[in-house]
């Protein structure tokens, strides 16, 4: 009697990486646990917005800066908030 043995080889298939370009400019509000403040980043770099203790204050500052930049640029500007693992879009300006 013939029996077939299943091999336990794992096949690694490399999926193509997709670059999602949501916006040309992204303002991100991010919680800094060590300093207990909200920071505002523009395309990953720190901005001149002073770190805020309240989320609503950081959001208002980021949206104000994003709207000002949206008027002078031709592209998409978005404001997002990263809290834990959740990324939330708060404001989007598209042309």
Protein backbone atom coordinates (compact mmCIF):
# COMPACT_ATOMS: atom_id res chain seq x y z
CA UNK A 1 0.00 0.00 0.00
CA UNK A 2 1.36 3.36 -1.01
CA UNK A 3 1.12 6.30 1.33
CA UNK A 4 1.90 9.82 0.43
CA UNK A 5 3.82 11.98 2.80
CA UNK A 6 3.10 15.64 2.74
CA UNK A 7 6.15 17.80 2.93
CA UNK A 8 6.19 20.69 5.31
CA UNK A 9 8.11 23.00 3.07
CA UNK A 10 7.09 26.59 3.25
CA UNK A 11 6.92 28.45 0.02
CA UNK A 12 7.89 32.07 0.24
CA UNK A 13 6.20 34.23 -2.34
CA UNK A 14 7.34 37.79 -2.47
CA UNK A 15 4.48 40.14 -3.07
CA UNK A 16 5.12 43.34 -4.96
CA UNK A 17 5.34 46.33 -2.69
CA UNK A 18 2.93 49.10 -3.47
CA UNK A 19 3.69 52.68 -2.68
CA UNK A 20 0.51 54.40 -1.67
CA UNK A 21 0.75 58.09 -2.29
CA UNK A 22 -2.14 59.55 -0.36
CA UNK A 23 -1.01 63.15 -0.52
CA UNK A 24 1.91 65.26 -1.56
CA UNK A 25 1.97 66.92 1.88
CA UNK A 26 0.93 65.19 5.10
CA UNK A 27 0.60 66.79 8.50
CA UNK A 28 0.55 64.09 11.16
CA UNK A 29 -0.42 64.54 14.79
CA UNK A 30 1.37 61.97 16.91
CA UNK A 31 1.35 61.23 20.65
CA UNK A 32 4.71 61.37 22.41
CA UNK A 33 4.34 59.15 25.47
CA UNK A 34 7.62 60.19 27.06
CA UNK A 35 6.83 63.91 27.04
CA UNK A 36 3.05 63.40 27.36
CA UNK A 37 2.38 65.81 24.47
CA UNK A 38 0.99 65.80 20.93
CA UNK A 39 3.54 66.60 18.22
CA UNK A 40 2.78 67.89 14.73
CA UNK A 41 4.94 66.49 11.92
CA UNK A 42 5.04 67.60 8.28
CA UNK A 43 6.03 64.75 5.95
CA UNK A 44 7.80 63.09 8.89
CA UNK A 45 9.80 66.14 9.96
CA UNK A 46 9.07 68.23 13.03
CA UNK A 47 7.31 71.54 12.53
CA UNK A 48 7.54 74.84 14.36
CA UNK A 49 4.25 74.07 16.13
CA UNK A 50 4.96 73.78 19.84
CA UNK A 51 3.99 70.40 21.30
CA UNK A 52 0.49 70.50 22.78
CA UNK A 53 -1.00 68.82 25.82
CA UNK A 54 -4.49 68.70 24.31
CA UNK A 55 -5.24 66.77 21.12
CA UNK A 56 -7.79 69.32 19.94
CA UNK A 57 -5.22 72.12 20.16
CA UNK A 58 -2.68 70.14 18.10
CA UNK A 59 -5.36 69.29 15.52
CA UNK A 60 -6.41 72.94 15.20
CA UNK A 61 -2.79 74.04 14.71
CA UNK A 62 -2.11 71.36 12.10
CA UNK A 63 -5.29 72.12 10.14
CA UNK A 64 -4.53 75.85 10.21
CA UNK A 65 -1.03 75.25 8.78
CA UNK A 66 -2.35 72.73 6.23
CA UNK A 67 -5.03 75.13 4.96
CA UNK A 68 -2.46 77.91 4.58
CA UNK A 69 -0.14 75.62 2.64
CA UNK A 70 -3.00 74.22 0.56
CA UNK A 71 -3.77 77.71 -0.77
CA UNK A 72 -0.21 78.13 -2.07
CA UNK A 73 0.46 74.64 -3.47
CA UNK A 74 -0.99 72.60 -6.28
CA UNK A 75 -1.54 69.16 -4.87
CA UNK A 76 -3.14 67.25 -2.06
CA UNK A 77 -2.68 68.19 1.58
CA UNK A 78 -3.95 65.91 4.33
CA UNK A 79 -3.99 66.04 8.14
CA UNK A 80 -3.87 62.69 9.93
CA UNK A 81 -3.71 61.61 13.54
CA UNK A 82 -1.79 58.54 14.70
CA UNK A 83 -2.99 57.30 18.06
CA UNK A 84 -1.74 53.87 19.02
CA UNK A 85 -2.12 51.82 15.85
CA UNK A 86 -5.05 53.76 14.48
CA UNK A 87 -4.47 56.30 11.70
CA UNK A 88 -7.36 58.71 11.24
CA UNK A 89 -7.74 61.31 8.48
CA UNK A 90 -8.93 64.57 10.01
CA UNK A 91 -8.81 66.99 7.06
CA UNK A 92 -8.11 66.67 3.33
CA UNK A 93 -7.58 69.36 0.73
CA UNK A 94 -7.55 68.25 -2.89
CA UNK A 95 -7.53 70.09 -6.17
